[in-house]
Structure formats: C-alpha cells, structure tokens
Amino acid sequence: MTRAVSTPLIVGDMIVLLLFSLGGMAFHKVDGLWVGQLFRIGWPFFVGYFAAAAIMGAWLPNDFGKRYFQNGTLAWLVGIGLGILLRMISTGRIPLTSFIAVTFTFTGILFLLWRFLYRAIRR
C-alpha cells in the first residue's frame, strides 16, 4: 500500500533548491539567460534530491515525529550527495571541497529551517 505525499513539503523543498541555485548564481555573478543558467546549475540537485526524497519517504504527510526529521535528513544527505555526483559527471570536473562544504551547509540550513517552519505551521 502506498501513502500519499504532502504537496506543501514537495513545493517547499523545490523552493529550497531554487533558493540554493539562485544564491549560487548571484554569488558567482553567472551571466547569460537566467532561466537557462538556473536549469544548468540546479538540475543535478533537483534530480538527486527528488529521487532520494521519494525513495526515503521525506514527503509523507502528518508524520511529525522522529521519522519526519530522519527521513528528511537522509533525503538531504543522499540527495545532495547525488546532486554533487551528477554535477561532477555532467561537467567532467571534480568539485572543490569548499563547494561540497558550502553546498551541504547552505542546503542543510535551508531544509532544516523550512522543515521546522512547516512542522510548526501544521501543528
């Protein structure tokens, strides 16, 4: 039996990844058509995270106990790791350690804040 997913969680997670991608574009002053650049920069992280979140049950509704944060944390760790791996494969370059650290830190903080906010609103 499959359980339904929570649309607000999916949308919020999308916003987190968009903010991460837009923040990277702004910080690095990326030139060019912004929609194309946003896709180029963000797709590996969207694909990696969304695959992990779907598999690990990060979007199951009304589960605000221990599993809510365990599933979300596992999805973040695995998904962002997959995103970095996909980015490495697509660009043919091994990312700098600082990029990996900033990526995990920035997305981790945003996901944690978003998930706490969502939990507080839903309670």
PDB file of N, CA and C in Angstrom:
ATOM      1  N   MET A   1       0.839  -1.180   0.000  1.00  0.00           N
ATOM      2  CA  MET A   1       0.000   0.000   0.000  1.00  0.00           C
ATOM      3  C   MET A   1       0.884   1.243   0.000  1.00  0.00           C
ATOM      4  N   THR A   2       0.605   2.185  -0.879  1.00  0.00           N
ATOM      5  CA  THR A   2       1.362   3.424  -0.914  1.00  0.00           C
ATOM      6  C   THR A   2       0.603   4.508  -0.170  1.00  0.00           C
ATOM      7  N   ARG A   3       1.362   5.399   0.395  1.00  0.00           N
ATOM      8  CA  ARG A   3       0.744   6.521   1.098  1.00  0.00           C
ATOM      9  C   ARG A   3       0.926   7.774   0.266  1.00  0.00           C
ATOM     10  N   ALA A   4      -0.038   8.681   0.371  1.00  0.00           N
ATOM     11  CA  ALA A   4       0.019   9.934  -0.364  1.00  0.00           C
ATOM     12  C   ALA A   4       1.167  10.791   0.158  1.00  0.00           C
ATOM     13  N   VAL A   5       1.628  11.663  -0.693  1.00  0.00           N
ATOM     14  CA  VAL A   5       2.682  12.587  -0.287  1.00  0.00           C
ATOM     15  C   VAL A   5       2.069  13.947  -0.002  1.00  0.00           C
ATOM     16  N   SER A   6       2.813  14.764   0.709  1.00  0.00           N
ATOM     17  CA  SER A   6       2.374  16.097   1.073  1.00  0.00           C
ATOM     18  C   SER A   6       2.867  17.102   0.031  1.00  0.00           C
ATOM     19  N   THR A   7       1.929  17.679  -0.711  1.00  0.00           N
ATOM     20  CA  THR A   7       2.284  18.654  -1.742  1.00  0.00           C
ATOM     21  C   THR A   7       3.025  19.860  -1.164  1.00  0.00           C
ATOM     22  N   PRO A   8       2.608  20.408  -0.017  1.00  0.00           N
ATOM     23  CA  PRO A   8       3.364  21.547   0.530  1.00  0.00           C
ATOM     24  C   PRO A   8       4.841  21.208   0.808  1.00  0.00           C
ATOM     25  N   LEU A   9       5.107  19.991   1.266  1.00  0.00           N
ATOM     26  CA  LEU A   9       6.507  19.604   1.500  1.00  0.00           C
ATOM     27  C   LEU A   9       7.289  19.574   0.194  1.00  0.00           C
ATOM     28  N   ILE A  10       6.691  19.046  -0.853  1.00  0.00           N
ATOM     29  CA  ILE A  10       7.362  19.000  -2.152  1.00  0.00           C
ATOM     30  C   ILE A  10       7.640  20.405  -2.658  1.00  0.00           C
ATOM     31  N   VAL A  11       6.632  21.279  -2.591  1.00  0.00           N
ATOM     32  CA  VAL A  11       6.793  22.662  -3.059  1.00  0.00           C
ATOM     33  C   VAL A  11       7.851  23.389  -2.224  1.00  0.00           C
ATOM     34  N   GLY A  12       7.805  23.216  -0.920  1.00  0.00           N
ATOM     35  CA  GLY A  12       8.804  23.858  -0.054  1.00  0.00           C
ATOM     36  C   GLY A  12      10.211  23.380  -0.362  1.00  0.00           C
ATOM     37  N   ASP A  13      10.368  22.088  -0.597  1.00  0.00           N
ATOM     38  CA  ASP A  13      11.684  21.552  -0.947  1.00  0.00           C
ATOM     39  C   ASP A  13      12.157  22.108  -2.288  1.00  0.00           C
ATOM     40  N   MET A  14      11.223  22.271  -3.240  1.00  0.00           N
ATOM     41  CA  MET A  14      11.577  22.888  -4.526  1.00  0.00           C
ATOM     42  C   MET A  14      12.075  24.311  -4.323  1.00  0.00           C
ATOM     43  N   ILE A  15      11.396  25.044  -3.465  1.00  0.00           N
ATOM     44  CA  ILE A  15      11.793  26.430  -3.195  1.00  0.00           C
ATOM     45  C   ILE A  15      13.183  26.478  -2.572  1.00  0.00           C
ATOM     46  N   VAL A  16      13.466  25.557  -1.655  1.00  0.00           N
ATOM     47  CA  VAL A  16      14.803  25.494  -1.044  1.00  0.00           C
ATOM     48  C   VAL A  16      15.867  25.301  -2.119  1.00  0.00           C
ATOM     49  N   LEU A  17      15.636  24.371  -3.033  1.00  0.00           N
ATOM     50  CA  LEU A  17      16.619  24.109  -4.086  1.00  0.00           C
ATOM     51  C   LEU A  17      16.715  25.272  -5.070  1.00  0.00           C
ATOM     52  N   LEU A  18      15.602  25.945  -5.330  1.00  0.00           N
ATOM     53  CA  LEU A  18      15.643  27.144  -6.173  1.00  0.00           C
ATOM     54  C   LEU A  18      16.455  28.250  -5.510  1.00  0.00           C
ATOM     55  N   LEU A  19      16.235  28.455  -4.208  1.00  0.00           N
ATOM     56  CA  LEU A  19      17.000  29.476  -3.479  1.00  0.00           C
ATOM     57  C   LEU A  19      18.488  29.156  -3.491  1.00  0.00           C
ATOM     58  N   PHE A  20      18.817  27.884  -3.318  1.00  0.00           N
ATOM     59  CA  PHE A  20      20.216  27.463  -3.370  1.00  0.00           C
ATOM     60  C   PHE A  20      20.808  27.774  -4.744  1.00  0.00           C
ATOM     61  N   SER A  21      20.105  27.418  -5.799  1.00  0.00           N
ATOM     62  CA  SER A  21      20.606  27.642  -7.157  1.00  0.00           C
ATOM     63  C   SER A  21      20.709  29.132  -7.474  1.00  0.00           C
ATOM     64  N   LEU A  22      19.684  29.895  -7.112  1.00  0.00           N
ATOM     65  CA  LEU A  22      19.712  31.342  -7.344  1.00  0.00           C
ATOM     66  C   LEU A  22      20.797  32.016  -6.517  1.00  0.00           C
ATOM     67  N   GLY A  23      20.981  31.559  -5.283  1.00  0.00           N
ATOM     68  CA  GLY A  23      22.051  32.112  -4.445  1.00  0.00           C
ATOM     69  C   GLY A  23      23.420  31.863  -5.051  1.00  0.00           C
ATOM     70  N   GLY A  24      23.625  30.671  -5.583  1.00  0.00           N
ATOM     71  CA  GLY A  24      24.895  30.370  -6.249  1.00  0.00           C
ATOM     72  C   GLY A  24      25.099  31.227  -7.475  1.00  0.00           C
ATOM     73  N   MET A  25      24.030  31.441  -8.240  1.00  0.00           N
ATOM     74  CA  MET A  25      24.128  32.293  -9.428  1.00  0.00           C
ATOM     75  C   MET A  25      24.480  33.728  -9.045  1.00  0.00           C
ATOM     76  N   ALA A  26      23.843  34.242  -8.022  1.00  0.00           N
ATOM     77  CA  ALA A  26      24.107  35.615  -7.588  1.00  0.00           C
ATOM     78  C   ALA A  26      25.513  35.752  -7.022  1.00  0.00           C
ATOM     79  N   PHE A  27      25.920  34.793  -6.185  1.00  0.00           N
ATOM     80  CA  PHE A  27      27.237  34.865  -5.556  1.00  0.00           C
ATOM     81  C   PHE A  27      28.351  34.811  -6.600  1.00  0.00           C
ATOM     82  N   HIS A  28      28.162  33.973  -7.608  1.00  0.00           N
ATOM     83  CA  HIS A  28      29.202  33.791  -8.629  1.00  0.00           C
ATOM     84  C   HIS A  28      28.995  34.682  -9.846  1.00  0.00           C
ATOM     85  N   LYS A  29      27.983  35.554  -9.775  1.00  0.00           N
ATOM     86  CA  LYS A  29      27.687  36.501 -10.858  1.00  0.00           C
ATOM     87  C   LYS A  29      27.631  35.796 -12.219  1.00  0.00           C
ATOM     88  N   VAL A  30      26.746  34.799 -12.298  1.00  0.00           N
ATOM     89  CA  VAL A  30      26.578  34.000 -13.512  1.00  0.00           C
ATOM     90  C   VAL A  30      25.894  34.850 -14.576  1.00  0.00           C
ATOM     91  N   ASP A  31      26.491  34.889 -15.765  1.00  0.00           N
ATOM     92  CA  ASP A  31      25.943  35.645 -16.889  1.00  0.00           C
ATOM     93  C   ASP A  31      25.127  34.730 -17.793  1.00  0.00           C
ATOM     94  N   GLY A  32      24.358  35.336 -18.660  1.00  0.00           N
ATOM     95  CA  GLY A  32      23.573  34.572 -19.624  1.00  0.00           C
ATOM     96  C   GLY A  32      22.112  34.578 -19.260  1.00  0.00           C
ATOM     97  N   LEU A  33      21.336  33.917 -20.100  1.00  0.00           N
ATOM     98  CA  LEU A  33      19.903  33.815 -19.879  1.00  0.00           C
ATOM     99  C   LEU A  33      19.663  33.128 -18.540  1.00  0.00           C
ATOM    100  N   TRP A  34      19.039  33.814 -17.594  1.00  0.00           N
ATOM    101  CA  TRP A  34      18.971  33.309 -16.227  1.00  0.00           C
ATOM    102  C   TRP A  34      18.191  32.005 -16.123  1.00  0.00           C
ATOM    103  N   VAL A  35      17.158  31.807 -16.945  1.00  0.00           N
ATOM    104  CA  VAL A  35      16.389  30.565 -16.866  1.00  0.00           C
ATOM    105  C   VAL A  35      17.267  29.384 -17.287  1.00  0.00           C
ATOM    106  N   GLY A  36      17.998  29.564 -18.364  1.00  0.00           N
ATOM    107  CA  GLY A  36      18.901  28.512 -18.830  1.00  0.00           C
ATOM    108  C   GLY A  36      20.002  28.221 -17.820  1.00  0.00           C
ATOM    109  N   GLN A  37      20.543  29.259 -17.239  1.00  0.00           N
ATOM    110  CA  GLN A  37      21.600  29.087 -16.236  1.00  0.00           C
ATOM    111  C   GLN A  37      21.045  28.432 -14.974  1.00  0.00           C
ATOM    112  N   LEU A  38      19.837  28.820 -14.590  1.00  0.00           N
ATOM    113  CA  LEU A  38      19.205  28.217 -13.422  1.00  0.00           C
ATOM    114  C   LEU A  38      19.015  26.717 -13.644  1.00  0.00           C
ATOM    115  N   PHE A  39      18.563  26.337 -14.837  1.00  0.00           N
ATOM    116  CA  PHE A  39      18.410  24.919 -15.152  1.00  0.00           C
ATOM    117  C   PHE A  39      19.759  24.217 -15.137  1.00  0.00           C
ATOM    118  N   ARG A  40      20.752  24.810 -15.782  1.00  0.00           N
ATOM    119  CA  ARG A  40      22.085  24.204 -15.866  1.00  0.00           C
ATOM    120  C   ARG A  40      22.690  23.973 -14.484  1.00  0.00           C
ATOM    121  N   ILE A  41      22.513  24.926 -13.603  1.00  0.00           N
ATOM    122  CA  ILE A  41      23.093  24.836 -12.263  1.00  0.00           C
ATOM    123  C   ILE A  41      22.254  23.941 -11.346  1.00  0.00           C
ATOM    124  N   GLY A  42      20.940  24.041 -11.448  1.00  0.00           N
ATOM    125  CA  GLY A  42      20.077  23.371 -10.486  1.00  0.00           C
ATOM    126  C   GLY A  42      19.689  21.940 -10.782  1.00  0.00           C
ATOM    127  N   TRP A  43      19.652  21.542 -12.063  1.00  0.00           N
ATOM    128  CA  TRP A  43      19.088  20.222 -12.381  1.00  0.00           C
ATOM    129  C   TRP A  43      19.734  19.070 -11.625  1.00  0.00           C
ATOM    130  N   PRO A  44      21.059  19.025 -11.437  1.00  0.00           N
ATOM    131  CA  PRO A  44      21.609  17.856 -10.735  1.00  0.00           C
ATOM    132  C   PRO A  44      21.094  17.728  -9.304  1.00  0.00           C
ATOM    133  N   PHE A  45      20.892  18.857  -8.653  1.00  0.00           N
ATOM    134  CA  PHE A  45      20.445  18.845  -7.267  1.00  0.00           C
ATOM    135  C   PHE A  45      18.957  18.506  -7.175  1.00  0.00           C
ATOM    136  N   PHE A  46      18.166  19.004  -8.122  1.00  0.00           N
ATOM    137  CA  PHE A  46      16.751  18.640  -8.155  1.00  0.00           C
ATOM    138  C   PHE A  46      16.590  17.144  -8.394  1.00  0.00           C
ATOM    139  N   VAL A  47      17.279  16.618  -9.380  1.00  0.00           N
ATOM    140  CA  VAL A  47      17.163  15.190  -9.703  1.00  0.00           C
ATOM    141  C   VAL A  47      17.641  14.338  -8.530  1.00  0.00           C
ATOM    142  N   GLY A  48      18.813  14.648  -7.998  1.00  0.00           N
ATOM    143  CA  GLY A  48      19.365  13.877  -6.881  1.00  0.00           C
ATOM    144  C   GLY A  48      18.487  13.925  -5.656  1.00  0.00           C
ATOM    145  N   TYR A  49      18.067  15.126  -5.285  1.00  0.00           N
ATOM    146  CA  TYR A  49      17.262  15.260  -4.066  1.00  0.00           C
ATOM    147  C   TYR A  49      15.882  14.645  -4.236  1.00  0.00           C
ATOM    148  N   PHE A  50      15.228  14.925  -5.345  1.00  0.00           N
ATOM    149  CA  PHE A  50      13.864  14.416  -5.522  1.00  0.00           C
ATOM    150  C   PHE A  50      13.834  12.900  -5.608  1.00  0.00           C
ATOM    151  N   ALA A  51      14.839  12.298  -6.201  1.00  0.00           N
ATOM    152  CA  ALA A  51      14.912  10.829  -6.221  1.00  0.00           C
ATOM    153  C   ALA A  51      15.070  10.288  -4.801  1.00  0.00           C
ATOM    154  N   ALA A  52      15.996  10.885  -4.044  1.00  0.00           N
ATOM    155  CA  ALA A  52      16.229  10.425  -2.674  1.00  0.00           C
ATOM    156  C   ALA A  52      15.016  10.663  -1.786  1.00  0.00           C
ATOM    157  N   ALA A  53      14.393  11.825  -1.903  1.00  0.00           N
ATOM    158  CA  ALA A  53      13.233  12.152  -1.062  1.00  0.00           C
ATOM    159  C   ALA A  53      12.073  11.214  -1.344  1.00  0.00           C
ATOM    160  N   ALA A  54      11.853  10.878  -2.604  1.00  0.00           N
ATOM    161  CA  ALA A  54      10.761   9.970  -2.954  1.00  0.00           C
ATOM    162  C   ALA A  54      11.020   8.571  -2.395  1.00  0.00           C
ATOM    163  N   ILE A  55      12.238   8.112  -2.516  1.00  0.00           N
ATOM    164  CA  ILE A  55      12.580   6.768  -2.048  1.00  0.00           C
ATOM    165  C   ILE A  55      12.565   6.685  -0.523  1.00  0.00           C
ATOM    166  N   MET A  56      13.010   7.736   0.140  1.00  0.00           N
ATOM    167  CA  MET A  56      13.162   7.701   1.591  1.00  0.00           C
ATOM    168  C   MET A  56      11.947   8.211   2.358  1.00  0.00           C
ATOM    169  N   GLY A  57      10.894   8.541   1.655  1.00  0.00           N
ATOM    170  CA  GLY A  57       9.664   8.947   2.331  1.00  0.00           C
ATOM    171  C   GLY A  57       9.741  10.302   3.000  1.00  0.00           C
ATOM    172  N   ALA A  58      10.483  11.230   2.412  1.00  0.00           N
ATOM    173  CA  ALA A  58      10.640  12.552   3.023  1.00  0.00           C
ATOM    174  C   ALA A  58       9.396  13.419   2.893  1.00  0.00           C
ATOM    175  N   TRP A  59       8.428  12.997   2.080  1.00  0.00           N
ATOM    176  CA  TRP A  59       7.234  13.810   1.848  1.00  0.00           C
ATOM    177  C   TRP A  59       5.966  13.195   2.398  1.00  0.00           C
ATOM    178  N   LEU A  60       6.107  12.227   3.286  1.00  0.00           N
ATOM    179  CA  LEU A  60       4.903  11.622   3.856  1.00  0.00           C
ATOM    180  C   LEU A  60       4.212  12.622   4.777  1.00  0.00           C
ATOM    181  N   PRO A  61       2.906  12.792   4.621  1.00  0.00           N
ATOM    182  CA  PRO A  61       2.194  13.813   5.405  1.00  0.00           C
ATOM    183  C   PRO A  61       1.923  13.363   6.840  1.00  0.00           C
ATOM    184  N   ASN A  62       1.741  14.357   7.681  1.00  0.00           N
ATOM    185  CA  ASN A  62       1.286  14.146   9.064  1.00  0.00           C
ATOM    186  C   ASN A  62       2.171  13.199   9.868  1.00  0.00           C
ATOM    187  N   ASP A  63       3.412  13.186   9.612  1.00  0.00           N
ATOM    188  CA  ASP A  63       4.350  12.361  10.368  1.00  0.00           C
ATOM    189  C   ASP A  63       5.422  13.291  10.939  1.00  0.00           C
ATOM    190  N   PHE A  64       5.084  13.984  12.009  1.00  0.00           N
ATOM    191  CA  PHE A  64       5.984  15.000  12.543  1.00  0.00           C
ATOM    192  C   PHE A  64       6.819  14.508  13.712  1.00  0.00           C
ATOM    193  N   GLY A  65       6.878  13.217  13.905  1.00  0.00           N
ATOM    194  CA  GLY A  65       7.696  12.654  14.961  1.00  0.00           C
ATOM    195  C   GLY A  65       9.130  12.482  14.507  1.00  0.00           C
ATOM    196  N   LYS A  66       9.771  11.515  15.076  1.00  0.00           N
ATOM    197  CA  LYS A  66      11.185  11.240  14.801  1.00  0.00           C
ATOM    198  C   LYS A  66      11.426  10.947  13.318  1.00  0.00           C
ATOM    199  N   ARG A  67      10.528  10.202  12.694  1.00  0.00           N
ATOM    200  CA  ARG A  67      10.704   9.830  11.286  1.00  0.00           C
ATOM    201  C   ARG A  67      10.678  11.034  10.358  1.00  0.00           C
ATOM    202  N   TYR A  68       9.936  12.073  10.708  1.00  0.00           N
ATOM    203  CA  TYR A  68       9.853  13.281   9.885  1.00  0.00           C
ATOM    204  C   TYR A  68      11.252  13.851   9.659  1.00  0.00           C
ATOM    205  N   PHE A  69      12.019  13.964  10.719  1.00  0.00           N
ATOM    206  CA  PHE A  69      13.364  14.522  10.592  1.00  0.00           C
ATOM    207  C   PHE A  69      14.378  13.485  10.104  1.00  0.00           C
ATOM    208  N   GLN A  70      14.212  12.224  10.480  1.00  0.00           N
ATOM    209  CA  GLN A  70      15.109  11.184   9.974  1.00  0.00           C
ATOM    210  C   GLN A  70      14.992  11.050   8.463  1.00  0.00           C
ATOM    211  N   ASN A  71      13.766  10.938   7.960  1.00  0.00           N
ATOM    212  CA  ASN A  71      13.561  10.803   6.521  1.00  0.00           C
ATOM    213  C   ASN A  71      14.053  12.036   5.770  1.00  0.00           C
ATOM    214  N   GLY A  72      13.757  13.207   6.306  1.00  0.00           N
ATOM    215  CA  GLY A  72      14.202  14.446   5.675  1.00  0.00           C
ATOM    216  C   GLY A  72      15.715  14.579   5.672  1.00  0.00           C
ATOM    217  N   THR A  73      16.348  14.207   6.779  1.00  0.00           N
ATOM    218  CA  THR A  73      17.811  14.297   6.866  1.00  0.00           C
ATOM    219  C   THR A  73      18.478  13.308   5.917  1.00  0.00           C
ATOM    220  N   LEU A  74      17.974  12.083   5.883  1.00  0.00           N
ATOM    221  CA  LEU A  74      18.533  11.094   4.957  1.00  0.00           C
ATOM    222  C   LEU A  74      18.354  11.531   3.510  1.00  0.00           C
ATOM    223  N   ALA A  75      17.181  12.054   3.178  1.00  0.00           N
ATOM    224  CA  ALA A  75      16.943  12.534   1.818  1.00  0.00           C
ATOM    225  C   ALA A  75      17.902  13.665   1.473  1.00  0.00           C
ATOM    226  N   TRP A  76      18.124  14.569   2.411  1.00  0.00           N
ATOM    227  CA  TRP A  76      19.053  15.683   2.186  1.00  0.00           C
ATOM    228  C   TRP A  76      20.467  15.158   1.962  1.00  0.00           C
ATOM    229  N   LEU A  77      20.957  14.304   2.853  1.00  0.00           N
ATOM    230  CA  LEU A  77      22.328  13.805   2.720  1.00  0.00           C
ATOM    231  C   LEU A  77      22.539  13.040   1.418  1.00  0.00           C
ATOM    232  N   VAL A  78      21.662  12.096   1.156  1.00  0.00           N
ATOM    233  CA  VAL A  78      21.805  11.274  -0.047  1.00  0.00           C
ATOM    234  C   VAL A  78      21.506  12.099  -1.298  1.00  0.00           C
ATOM    235  N   GLY A  79      20.438  12.882  -1.263  1.00  0.00           N
ATOM    236  CA  GLY A  79      20.035  13.651  -2.432  1.00  0.00           C
ATOM    237  C   GLY A  79      21.031  14.704  -2.851  1.00  0.00           C
ATOM    238  N   ILE A  80      21.558  15.445  -1.903  1.00  0.00           N
ATOM    239  CA  ILE A  80      22.549  16.466  -2.238  1.00  0.00           C
ATOM    240  C   ILE A  80      23.857  15.787  -2.668  1.00  0.00           C
ATOM    241  N   GLY A  81      24.186  14.672  -2.024  1.00  0.00           N
ATOM    242  CA  GLY A  81      25.357  13.906  -2.470  1.00  0.00           C
ATOM    243  C   GLY A  81      25.198  13.439  -3.910  1.00  0.00           C
ATOM    244  N   LEU A  82      24.009  12.928  -4.255  1.00  0.00           N
ATOM    245  CA  LEU A  82      23.743  12.531  -5.640  1.00  0.00           C
ATOM    246  C   LEU A  82      23.816  13.735  -6.571  1.00  0.00           C
ATOM    247  N   GLY A  83      23.305  14.866  -6.117  1.00  0.00           N
ATOM    248  CA  GLY A  83      23.367  16.085  -6.919  1.00  0.00           C
ATOM    249  C   GLY A  83      24.798  16.487  -7.226  1.00  0.00           C
ATOM    250  N   ILE A  84      25.653  16.403  -6.236  1.00  0.00           N
ATOM    251  CA  ILE A  84      27.062  16.731  -6.449  1.00  0.00           C
ATOM    252  C   ILE A  84      27.686  15.741  -7.433  1.00  0.00           C
ATOM    253  N   LEU A  85      27.351  14.466  -7.280  1.00  0.00           N
ATOM    254  CA  LEU A  85      27.858  13.442  -8.192  1.00  0.00           C
ATOM    255  C   LEU A  85      27.361  13.684  -9.623  1.00  0.00           C
ATOM    256  N   LEU A  86      26.081  13.983  -9.786  1.00  0.00           N
ATOM    257  CA  LEU A  86      25.543  14.277 -11.119  1.00  0.00           C
ATOM    258  C   LEU A  86      26.190  15.512 -11.722  1.00  0.00           C
ATOM    259  N   ARG A  87      26.422  16.515 -10.898  1.00  0.00           N
ATOM    260  CA  ARG A  87      27.093  17.729 -11.381  1.00  0.00           C
ATOM    261  C   ARG A  87      28.508  17.410 -11.836  1.00  0.00           C
ATOM    262  N   MET A  88      29.193  16.580 -11.071  1.00  0.00           N
ATOM    263  CA  MET A  88      30.559  16.183 -11.416  1.00  0.00           C
ATOM    264  C   MET A  88      30.568  15.436 -12.752  1.00  0.00           C
ATOM    265  N   ILE A  89      29.634  14.530 -12.939  1.00  0.00           N
ATOM    266  CA  ILE A  89      29.562  13.761 -14.181  1.00  0.00           C
ATOM    267  C   ILE A  89      29.227  14.669 -15.362  1.00  0.00           C
ATOM    268  N   SER A  90      28.266  15.576 -15.175  1.00  0.00           N
ATOM    269  CA  SER A  90      27.830  16.430 -16.277  1.00  0.00           C
ATOM    270  C   SER A  90      28.872  17.476 -16.674  1.00  0.00           C
ATOM    271  N   THR A  91      29.665  17.924 -15.713  1.00  0.00           N
ATOM    272  CA  THR A  91      30.674  18.940 -16.030  1.00  0.00           C
ATOM    273  C   THR A  91      32.035  18.331 -16.330  1.00  0.00           C
ATOM    274  N   GLY A  92      32.247  17.079 -15.920  1.00  0.00           N
ATOM    275  CA  GLY A  92      33.543  16.442 -16.124  1.00  0.00           C
ATOM    276  C   GLY A  92      34.608  16.969 -15.176  1.00  0.00           C
ATOM    277  N   ARG A  93      34.179  17.630 -14.095  1.00  0.00           N
ATOM    278  CA  ARG A  93      35.132  18.200 -13.128  1.00  0.00           C
ATOM    279  C   ARG A  93      34.811  17.712 -11.724  1.00  0.00           C
ATOM    280  N   ILE A  94      35.860  17.429 -10.981  1.00  0.00           N
ATOM    281  CA  ILE A  94      35.694  17.067  -9.571  1.00  0.00           C
ATOM    282  C   ILE A  94      35.508  18.366  -8.791  1.00  0.00           C
ATOM    283  N   PRO A  95      34.436  18.453  -8.002  1.00  0.00           N
ATOM    284  CA  PRO A  95      34.188  19.706  -7.266  1.00  0.00           C
ATOM    285  C   PRO A  95      35.198  19.916  -6.145  1.00  0.00           C
ATOM    286  N   LEU A  96      35.454  21.176  -5.883  1.00  0.00           N
ATOM    287  CA  LEU A  96      36.332  21.540  -4.770  1.00  0.00           C
ATOM    288  C   LEU A  96      35.674  21.153  -3.450  1.00  0.00           C
ATOM    289  N   THR A  97      36.494  20.871  -2.479  1.00  0.00           N
ATOM    290  CA  THR A  97      35.994  20.547  -1.145  1.00  0.00           C
ATOM    291  C   THR A  97      35.165  21.700  -0.592  1.00  0.00           C
ATOM    292  N   SER A  98      35.574  22.918  -0.866  1.00  0.00           N
ATOM    293  CA  SER A  98      34.825  24.081  -0.371  1.00  0.00           C
ATOM    294  C   SER A  98      33.433  24.135  -0.992  1.00  0.00           C
ATOM    295  N   PHE A  99      33.303  23.775  -2.271  1.00  0.00           N
ATOM    296  CA  PHE A  99      31.988  23.737  -2.919  1.00  0.00           C
ATOM    297  C   PHE A  99      31.095  22.711  -2.237  1.00  0.00           C
ATOM    298  N   ILE A 100      31.646  21.540  -1.965  1.00  0.00           N
ATOM    299  CA  ILE A 100      30.882  20.482  -1.303  1.00  0.00           C
ATOM    300  C   ILE A 100      30.434  20.931   0.085  1.00  0.00           C
ATOM    301  N   ALA A 101      31.344  21.545   0.827  1.00  0.00           N
ATOM    302  CA  ALA A 101      31.023  22.012   2.181  1.00  0.00           C
ATOM    303  C   ALA A 101      29.946  23.088   2.153  1.00  0.00           C
ATOM    304  N   VAL A 102      30.073  24.054   1.258  1.00  0.00           N
ATOM    305  CA  VAL A 102      29.088  25.133   1.161  1.00  0.00           C
ATOM    306  C   VAL A 102      27.736  24.574   0.712  1.00  0.00           C
ATOM    307  N   THR A 103      27.755  23.660  -0.238  1.00  0.00           N
ATOM    308  CA  THR A 103      26.518  23.069  -0.738  1.00  0.00           C
ATOM    309  C   THR A 103      25.768  22.341   0.374  1.00  0.00           C
ATOM    310  N   PHE A 104      26.461  21.489   1.112  1.00  0.00           N
ATOM    311  CA  PHE A 104      25.802  20.763   2.203  1.00  0.00           C
ATOM    312  C   PHE A 104      25.362  21.712   3.321  1.00  0.00           C
ATOM    313  N   THR A 105      26.186  22.687   3.652  1.00  0.00           N
ATOM    314  CA  THR A 105      25.848  23.616   4.732  1.00  0.00           C
ATOM    315  C   THR A 105      24.643  24.476   4.362  1.00  0.00           C
ATOM    316  N   PHE A 106      24.699  25.104   3.210  1.00  0.00           N
ATOM    317  CA  PHE A 106      23.632  26.012   2.788  1.00  0.00           C
ATOM    318  C   PHE A 106      22.310  25.270   2.632  1.00  0.00           C
ATOM    319  N   THR A 107      22.319  24.147   1.912  1.00  0.00           N
ATOM    320  CA  THR A 107      21.071  23.398   1.724  1.00  0.00           C
ATOM    321  C   THR A 107      20.586  22.808   3.041  1.00  0.00           C
ATOM    322  N   GLY A 108      21.501  22.356   3.876  1.00  0.00           N
ATOM    323  CA  GLY A 108      21.122  21.790   5.169  1.00  0.00           C
ATOM    324  C   GLY A 108      20.408  22.799   6.047  1.00  0.00           C
ATOM    325  N   ILE A 109      20.942  24.004   6.110  1.00  0.00           N
ATOM    326  CA  ILE A 109      20.320  25.059   6.908  1.00  0.00           C
ATOM    327  C   ILE A 109      18.941  25.410   6.348  1.00  0.00           C
ATOM    328  N   LEU A 110      18.862  25.578   5.025  1.00  0.00           N
ATOM    329  CA  LEU A 110      17.572  25.925   4.419  1.00  0.00           C
ATOM    330  C   LEU A 110      16.534  24.827   4.613  1.00  0.00           C
ATOM    331  N   PHE A 111      16.932  23.570   4.397  1.00  0.00           N
ATOM    332  CA  PHE A 111      15.986  22.469   4.596  1.00  0.00           C
ATOM    333  C   PHE A 111      15.545  22.383   6.056  1.00  0.00           C
ATOM    334  N   LEU A 112      16.481  22.531   6.976  1.00  0.00           N
ATOM    335  CA  LEU A 112      16.139  22.450   8.390  1.00  0.00           C
ATOM    336  C   LEU A 112      15.170  23.566   8.783  1.00  0.00           C
ATOM    337  N   LEU A 113      15.465  24.798   8.380  1.00  0.00           N
ATOM    338  CA  LEU A 113      14.564  25.921   8.689  1.00  0.00           C
ATOM    339  C   LEU A 113      13.187  25.709   8.070  1.00  0.00           C
ATOM    340  N   TRP A 114      13.162  25.293   6.820  1.00  0.00           N
ATOM    341  CA  TRP A 114      11.896  25.062   6.139  1.00  0.00           C
ATOM    342  C   TRP A 114      11.092  23.966   6.833  1.00  0.00           C
ATOM    343  N   ARG A 115      11.752  22.878   7.165  1.00  0.00           N
ATOM    344  CA  ARG A 115      11.042  21.757   7.782  1.00  0.00           C
ATOM    345  C   ARG A 115      10.527  22.113   9.182  1.00  0.00           C
ATOM    346  N   PHE A 116      11.299  22.868   9.961  1.00  0.00           N
ATOM    347  CA  PHE A 116      10.812  23.315  11.276  1.00  0.00           C
ATOM    348  C   PHE A 116       9.617  24.256  11.117  1.00  0.00           C
ATOM    349  N   LEU A 117       9.700  25.168  10.160  1.00  0.00           N
ATOM    350  CA  LEU A 117       8.609  26.097   9.908  1.00  0.00           C
ATOM    351  C   LEU A 117       7.343  25.342   9.494  1.00  0.00           C
ATOM    352  N   TYR A 118       7.484  24.403   8.585  1.00  0.00           N
ATOM    353  CA  TYR A 118       6.329  23.616   8.132  1.00  0.00           C
ATOM    354  C   TYR A 118       5.718  22.834   9.288  1.00  0.00           C
ATOM    355  N   ARG A 119       6.566  22.242  10.089  1.00  0.00           N
ATOM    356  CA  ARG A 119       6.079  21.469  11.248  1.00  0.00           C
ATOM    357  C   ARG A 119       5.320  22.374  12.221  1.00  0.00           C
ATOM    358  N   ALA A 120       5.866  23.563  12.482  1.00  0.00           N
ATOM    359  CA  ALA A 120       5.219  24.497  13.414  1.00  0.00           C
ATOM    360  C   ALA A 120       3.863  24.956  12.875  1.00  0.00           C
ATOM    361  N   ILE A 121       3.793  25.220  11.596  1.00  0.00           N
ATOM    362  CA  ILE A 121       2.534  25.667  10.988  1.00  0.00           C
ATOM    363  C   ILE A 121       1.495  24.563  11.028  1.00  0.00           C
ATOM    364  N   ARG A 122       1.917  23.341  10.723  1.00  0.00           N
ATOM    365  CA  ARG A 122       0.984  22.213  10.682  1.00  0.00           C
ATOM    366  C   ARG A 122       0.481  21.789  12.061  1.00  0.00           C
ATOM    367  N   ARG A 123       1.234  22.045  13.092  1.00  0.00           N
ATOM    368  CA  ARG A 123       0.812  21.670  14.444  1.00  0.00           C
ATOM    369  C   ARG A 123      -0.158  22.699  14.901  1.00  0.00           C
TER     370      ARG A 123
END
